[in-house]
Amino acid sequence: RIMTKFDEELAQGKFVVSFCKNCQKFVWPPSSQCNICHSTTIWDQPSKNGKILEFSKKENYYFCLIETNDNIRILGSLETSITPKVGQTVKLDKCSYDKKPKFLFKLR
């Protein structure tokens, strides 16, 4: 499989996604064309801040669905010693790529 720009940037620890200048919105999942107006997109950094939509716990690890301030929904793990709450704010702390994207969030 050929790595995409998104995967390559994640492998470098950078979270960048497609952005449509015409619509002034991030395109998720990343694509070379806007899913609304079909304009060519550029790569840009979205907000790393967001809120917890859902979470679950397995052993000592929390997994969560986060919606960033730019309306991007991401599945990731949550580094915390306390039980999180739906709606709680988080920040993307680390991202990487090792056969698949990995996202680590921390409570704010």
N, C-alpha and C. Protein backbone atom coordinates (compact mmCIF):
# COMPACT_ATOMS: atom_id res chain seq x y z
N ARG A 1 0.84 -1.18 0.00
CA ARG A 1 0.00 0.00 0.00
C ARG A 1 0.88 1.24 0.00
N ILE A 2 0.51 2.20 -0.79
CA ILE A 2 1.25 3.46 -0.87
C ILE A 2 0.79 4.39 0.25
N MET A 3 1.75 4.95 0.97
CA MET A 3 1.40 5.90 2.03
C MET A 3 0.89 7.20 1.42
N THR A 4 -0.11 7.76 2.05
CA THR A 4 -0.64 9.04 1.61
C THR A 4 0.07 10.17 2.34
N LYS A 5 -0.12 11.37 1.90
CA LYS A 5 0.43 12.56 2.58
C LYS A 5 -0.01 12.56 4.04
N PHE A 6 -1.28 12.24 4.30
CA PHE A 6 -1.81 12.20 5.66
C PHE A 6 -1.01 11.21 6.51
N ASP A 7 -0.81 9.99 5.99
CA ASP A 7 -0.05 8.96 6.71
C ASP A 7 1.40 9.39 6.92
N GLU A 8 2.01 9.96 5.90
CA GLU A 8 3.41 10.39 6.00
C GLU A 8 3.59 11.46 7.07
N GLU A 9 2.67 12.41 7.12
CA GLU A 9 2.75 13.47 8.14
C GLU A 9 2.53 12.89 9.54
N LEU A 10 1.58 11.97 9.67
CA LEU A 10 1.35 11.32 10.97
C LEU A 10 2.61 10.59 11.42
N ALA A 11 3.27 9.92 10.49
CA ALA A 11 4.51 9.19 10.82
C ALA A 11 5.58 10.14 11.36
N GLN A 12 5.49 11.42 10.99
CA GLN A 12 6.42 12.45 11.48
C GLN A 12 5.88 13.14 12.73
N GLY A 13 4.72 12.69 13.23
CA GLY A 13 4.13 13.28 14.43
C GLY A 13 3.34 14.55 14.15
N LYS A 14 2.95 14.78 12.88
CA LYS A 14 2.21 15.99 12.52
C LYS A 14 0.80 15.63 12.08
N PHE A 15 -0.17 16.37 12.60
CA PHE A 15 -1.57 16.17 12.25
C PHE A 15 -1.97 17.24 11.24
N VAL A 16 -2.04 16.85 9.98
CA VAL A 16 -2.49 17.76 8.92
C VAL A 16 -3.58 17.05 8.11
N VAL A 17 -4.55 17.83 7.66
CA VAL A 17 -5.64 17.27 6.86
C VAL A 17 -5.96 18.21 5.70
N SER A 18 -6.81 17.75 4.83
CA SER A 18 -7.22 18.54 3.67
C SER A 18 -8.07 19.72 4.11
N PHE A 19 -7.86 20.85 3.42
CA PHE A 19 -8.63 22.06 3.71
C PHE A 19 -9.10 22.66 2.39
N CYS A 20 -10.37 23.03 2.33
CA CYS A 20 -10.92 23.66 1.13
C CYS A 20 -10.94 25.17 1.33
N LYS A 21 -10.15 25.88 0.54
CA LYS A 21 -10.12 27.35 0.63
C LYS A 21 -11.46 27.94 0.21
N ASN A 22 -12.11 27.31 -0.76
CA ASN A 22 -13.38 27.81 -1.26
C ASN A 22 -14.48 27.75 -0.19
N CYS A 23 -14.60 26.62 0.48
CA CYS A 23 -15.63 26.44 1.51
C CYS A 23 -15.16 26.91 2.90
N GLN A 24 -13.84 27.11 3.04
CA GLN A 24 -13.25 27.47 4.33
C GLN A 24 -13.54 26.41 5.39
N LYS A 25 -13.40 25.12 4.98
CA LYS A 25 -13.65 24.01 5.89
C LYS A 25 -12.62 22.91 5.67
N PHE A 26 -12.35 22.17 6.76
CA PHE A 26 -11.50 21.01 6.65
C PHE A 26 -12.31 19.87 6.03
N VAL A 27 -11.63 19.05 5.25
CA VAL A 27 -12.26 17.92 4.57
C VAL A 27 -11.83 16.65 5.29
N TRP A 28 -12.81 15.92 5.82
CA TRP A 28 -12.54 14.70 6.56
C TRP A 28 -13.43 13.59 6.06
N PRO A 29 -12.92 12.43 5.72
CA PRO A 29 -11.50 12.07 5.73
C PRO A 29 -10.72 12.85 4.67
N PRO A 30 -9.40 12.96 4.84
CA PRO A 30 -8.58 13.74 3.91
C PRO A 30 -8.77 13.29 2.46
N SER A 31 -8.85 14.27 1.59
CA SER A 31 -9.06 14.01 0.16
C SER A 31 -8.43 15.13 -0.65
N SER A 32 -8.08 14.84 -1.88
CA SER A 32 -7.51 15.87 -2.74
C SER A 32 -8.58 16.82 -3.28
N GLN A 33 -9.86 16.44 -3.09
CA GLN A 33 -10.97 17.30 -3.53
C GLN A 33 -11.97 17.49 -2.41
N CYS A 34 -12.55 18.67 -2.35
CA CYS A 34 -13.58 18.98 -1.36
C CYS A 34 -14.82 18.13 -1.64
N ASN A 35 -15.39 17.57 -0.58
CA ASN A 35 -16.58 16.74 -0.74
C ASN A 35 -17.85 17.57 -0.89
N ILE A 36 -17.74 18.91 -0.82
CA ILE A 36 -18.90 19.78 -0.99
C ILE A 36 -18.87 20.47 -2.36
N CYS A 37 -17.77 21.20 -2.65
CA CYS A 37 -17.70 21.98 -3.89
C CYS A 37 -16.79 21.36 -4.96
N HIS A 38 -16.06 20.30 -4.59
CA HIS A 38 -15.15 19.57 -5.49
C HIS A 38 -13.90 20.37 -5.90
N SER A 39 -13.61 21.46 -5.20
CA SER A 39 -12.38 22.21 -5.44
C SER A 39 -11.19 21.40 -4.95
N THR A 40 -10.02 21.68 -5.50
CA THR A 40 -8.78 21.04 -5.04
C THR A 40 -8.46 21.56 -3.64
N THR A 41 -8.06 20.66 -2.77
CA THR A 41 -7.76 21.04 -1.38
C THR A 41 -6.26 21.27 -1.18
N ILE A 42 -5.95 21.89 -0.06
CA ILE A 42 -4.56 22.07 0.38
C ILE A 42 -4.41 21.34 1.71
N TRP A 43 -3.18 21.17 2.17
CA TRP A 43 -2.93 20.55 3.47
C TRP A 43 -2.76 21.64 4.51
N ASP A 44 -3.40 21.47 5.66
CA ASP A 44 -3.33 22.47 6.72
C ASP A 44 -3.51 21.77 8.07
N GLN A 45 -3.11 22.48 9.13
CA GLN A 45 -3.24 21.93 10.48
C GLN A 45 -4.55 22.37 11.10
N PRO A 46 -5.41 21.41 11.47
CA PRO A 46 -6.63 21.76 12.18
C PRO A 46 -6.35 21.96 13.66
N SER A 47 -7.37 22.38 14.38
CA SER A 47 -7.25 22.53 15.84
C SER A 47 -6.93 21.19 16.48
N LYS A 48 -6.10 21.22 17.50
CA LYS A 48 -5.78 20.01 18.25
C LYS A 48 -6.70 19.88 19.46
N ASN A 49 -7.58 20.85 19.65
CA ASN A 49 -8.50 20.85 20.79
C ASN A 49 -9.85 20.30 20.37
N GLY A 50 -10.52 19.65 21.31
CA GLY A 50 -11.83 19.10 21.01
C GLY A 50 -12.53 18.65 22.27
N LYS A 51 -13.59 17.85 22.07
CA LYS A 51 -14.35 17.34 23.21
C LYS A 51 -14.64 15.86 23.01
N ILE A 52 -14.88 15.20 24.12
CA ILE A 52 -15.17 13.77 24.12
C ILE A 52 -16.64 13.57 23.74
N LEU A 53 -16.89 12.77 22.71
CA LEU A 53 -18.26 12.41 22.33
C LEU A 53 -18.67 11.09 22.97
N GLU A 54 -17.74 10.14 23.01
CA GLU A 54 -17.97 8.82 23.61
C GLU A 54 -16.64 8.29 24.11
N PHE A 55 -16.71 7.37 25.09
CA PHE A 55 -15.48 6.72 25.52
C PHE A 55 -15.81 5.35 26.10
N SER A 56 -14.79 4.52 26.15
CA SER A 56 -14.91 3.22 26.80
C SER A 56 -13.57 2.90 27.45
N LYS A 57 -13.58 1.91 28.31
CA LYS A 57 -12.37 1.54 29.03
C LYS A 57 -12.11 0.06 28.84
N LYS A 58 -10.85 -0.28 28.59
CA LYS A 58 -10.43 -1.67 28.53
C LYS A 58 -9.17 -1.77 29.38
N GLU A 59 -9.26 -2.58 30.43
CA GLU A 59 -8.20 -2.68 31.41
C GLU A 59 -7.90 -1.29 31.96
N ASN A 60 -6.69 -0.76 31.80
CA ASN A 60 -6.36 0.57 32.32
C ASN A 60 -6.32 1.64 31.24
N TYR A 61 -6.91 1.35 30.08
CA TYR A 61 -6.85 2.28 28.95
C TYR A 61 -8.23 2.79 28.57
N TYR A 62 -8.29 4.08 28.29
CA TYR A 62 -9.52 4.68 27.78
C TYR A 62 -9.39 4.90 26.28
N PHE A 63 -10.44 4.60 25.56
CA PHE A 63 -10.53 4.86 24.12
C PHE A 63 -11.69 5.81 23.92
N CYS A 64 -11.53 6.76 23.02
CA CYS A 64 -12.58 7.76 22.90
C CYS A 64 -12.78 8.22 21.46
N LEU A 65 -13.98 8.72 21.24
CA LEU A 65 -14.32 9.39 19.99
C LEU A 65 -14.30 10.87 20.32
N ILE A 66 -13.42 11.60 19.64
CA ILE A 66 -13.23 13.03 19.88
C ILE A 66 -13.74 13.81 18.67
N GLU A 67 -14.38 14.94 18.93
CA GLU A 67 -14.70 15.86 17.85
C GLU A 67 -13.87 17.12 18.08
N THR A 68 -13.00 17.43 17.12
CA THR A 68 -12.15 18.61 17.27
C THR A 68 -12.98 19.88 17.07
N ASN A 69 -12.39 21.01 17.39
CA ASN A 69 -13.06 22.30 17.20
C ASN A 69 -13.33 22.58 15.72
N ASP A 70 -12.69 21.82 14.83
CA ASP A 70 -12.92 21.96 13.38
C ASP A 70 -13.85 20.87 12.85
N ASN A 71 -14.62 20.23 13.76
CA ASN A 71 -15.62 19.21 13.41
C ASN A 71 -15.04 17.96 12.77
N ILE A 72 -13.83 17.59 13.16
CA ILE A 72 -13.20 16.36 12.69
C ILE A 72 -13.34 15.33 13.81
N ARG A 73 -13.90 14.18 13.48
CA ARG A 73 -14.08 13.12 14.48
C ARG A 73 -12.96 12.10 14.36
N ILE A 74 -12.31 11.82 15.50
CA ILE A 74 -11.14 10.95 15.54
C ILE A 74 -11.29 9.95 16.67
N LEU A 75 -10.94 8.70 16.39
CA LEU A 75 -10.85 7.68 17.44
C LEU A 75 -9.42 7.69 17.97
N GLY A 76 -9.29 7.67 19.27
CA GLY A 76 -7.95 7.67 19.84
C GLY A 76 -7.96 7.18 21.27
N SER A 77 -6.80 7.16 21.87
CA SER A 77 -6.70 6.78 23.27
C SER A 77 -6.57 8.04 24.12
N LEU A 78 -6.94 7.90 25.37
CA LEU A 78 -6.94 9.04 26.28
C LEU A 78 -6.03 8.72 27.45
N GLU A 79 -5.05 9.58 27.67
CA GLU A 79 -4.12 9.39 28.78
C GLU A 79 -4.67 10.14 29.98
N THR A 80 -5.18 9.39 30.96
CA THR A 80 -5.73 10.01 32.17
C THR A 80 -5.77 9.00 33.29
N SER A 81 -5.71 9.50 34.52
CA SER A 81 -5.83 8.62 35.68
C SER A 81 -7.22 8.76 36.31
N ILE A 82 -8.03 9.70 35.79
CA ILE A 82 -9.39 9.88 36.29
C ILE A 82 -10.38 9.48 35.20
N THR A 83 -11.59 9.18 35.62
CA THR A 83 -12.62 8.80 34.66
C THR A 83 -13.06 10.04 33.88
N PRO A 84 -12.96 9.99 32.55
CA PRO A 84 -13.38 11.16 31.75
C PRO A 84 -14.90 11.27 31.71
N LYS A 85 -15.38 12.38 31.17
CA LYS A 85 -16.82 12.61 31.02
C LYS A 85 -17.11 13.03 29.58
N VAL A 86 -18.25 12.61 29.08
CA VAL A 86 -18.69 13.05 27.75
C VAL A 86 -18.80 14.58 27.79
N GLY A 87 -18.29 15.23 26.77
CA GLY A 87 -18.32 16.69 26.70
C GLY A 87 -17.06 17.35 27.25
N GLN A 88 -16.24 16.58 27.95
CA GLN A 88 -15.01 17.13 28.53
C GLN A 88 -14.04 17.52 27.41
N THR A 89 -13.29 18.60 27.62
CA THR A 89 -12.36 19.07 26.60
C THR A 89 -11.03 18.32 26.69
N VAL A 90 -10.46 18.09 25.52
CA VAL A 90 -9.19 17.37 25.40
C VAL A 90 -8.31 18.07 24.38
N LYS A 91 -7.06 17.67 24.38
CA LYS A 91 -6.11 18.19 23.39
C LYS A 91 -5.34 17.02 22.82
N LEU A 92 -5.13 17.03 21.51
CA LEU A 92 -4.31 16.01 20.87
C LEU A 92 -2.88 16.21 21.34
N ASP A 93 -2.32 15.19 21.99
CA ASP A 93 -0.98 15.28 22.55
C ASP A 93 0.06 14.70 21.60
N LYS A 94 -0.26 13.54 21.00
CA LYS A 94 0.67 12.89 20.09
C LYS A 94 -0.12 12.18 18.99
N CYS A 95 0.49 12.11 17.83
CA CYS A 95 -0.07 11.31 16.75
C CYS A 95 1.08 10.60 16.05
N SER A 96 0.77 9.45 15.48
CA SER A 96 1.79 8.67 14.80
C SER A 96 1.12 7.74 13.79
N TYR A 97 1.96 7.05 13.06
CA TYR A 97 1.46 6.08 12.09
C TYR A 97 2.36 4.86 12.14
N ASP A 98 1.77 3.72 12.50
CA ASP A 98 2.49 2.46 12.50
C ASP A 98 1.51 1.39 12.02
N LYS A 99 1.43 1.23 10.72
CA LYS A 99 0.47 0.36 10.03
C LYS A 99 -0.94 0.93 10.07
N LYS A 100 -1.22 1.85 10.98
CA LYS A 100 -2.49 2.56 11.04
C LYS A 100 -2.29 3.84 11.86
N PRO A 101 -3.18 4.83 11.68
CA PRO A 101 -3.05 6.07 12.44
C PRO A 101 -3.28 5.82 13.94
N LYS A 102 -2.52 6.54 14.76
CA LYS A 102 -2.68 6.47 16.21
C LYS A 102 -2.74 7.89 16.77
N PHE A 103 -3.70 8.11 17.66
CA PHE A 103 -3.90 9.43 18.25
C PHE A 103 -3.98 9.28 19.77
N LEU A 104 -3.26 10.15 20.49
CA LEU A 104 -3.26 10.16 21.95
C LEU A 104 -3.71 11.53 22.42
N PHE A 105 -4.76 11.54 23.23
CA PHE A 105 -5.31 12.79 23.76
C PHE A 105 -5.08 12.90 25.26
N LYS A 106 -5.08 14.14 25.74
CA LYS A 106 -4.99 14.42 27.18
C LYS A 106 -6.13 15.35 27.56
N LEU A 107 -6.60 15.19 28.79
CA LEU A 107 -7.64 16.10 29.28
C LEU A 107 -7.08 17.50 29.43
N ARG A 108 -7.91 18.49 29.20
CA ARG A 108 -7.47 19.88 29.33
C ARG A 108 -7.90 20.43 30.65
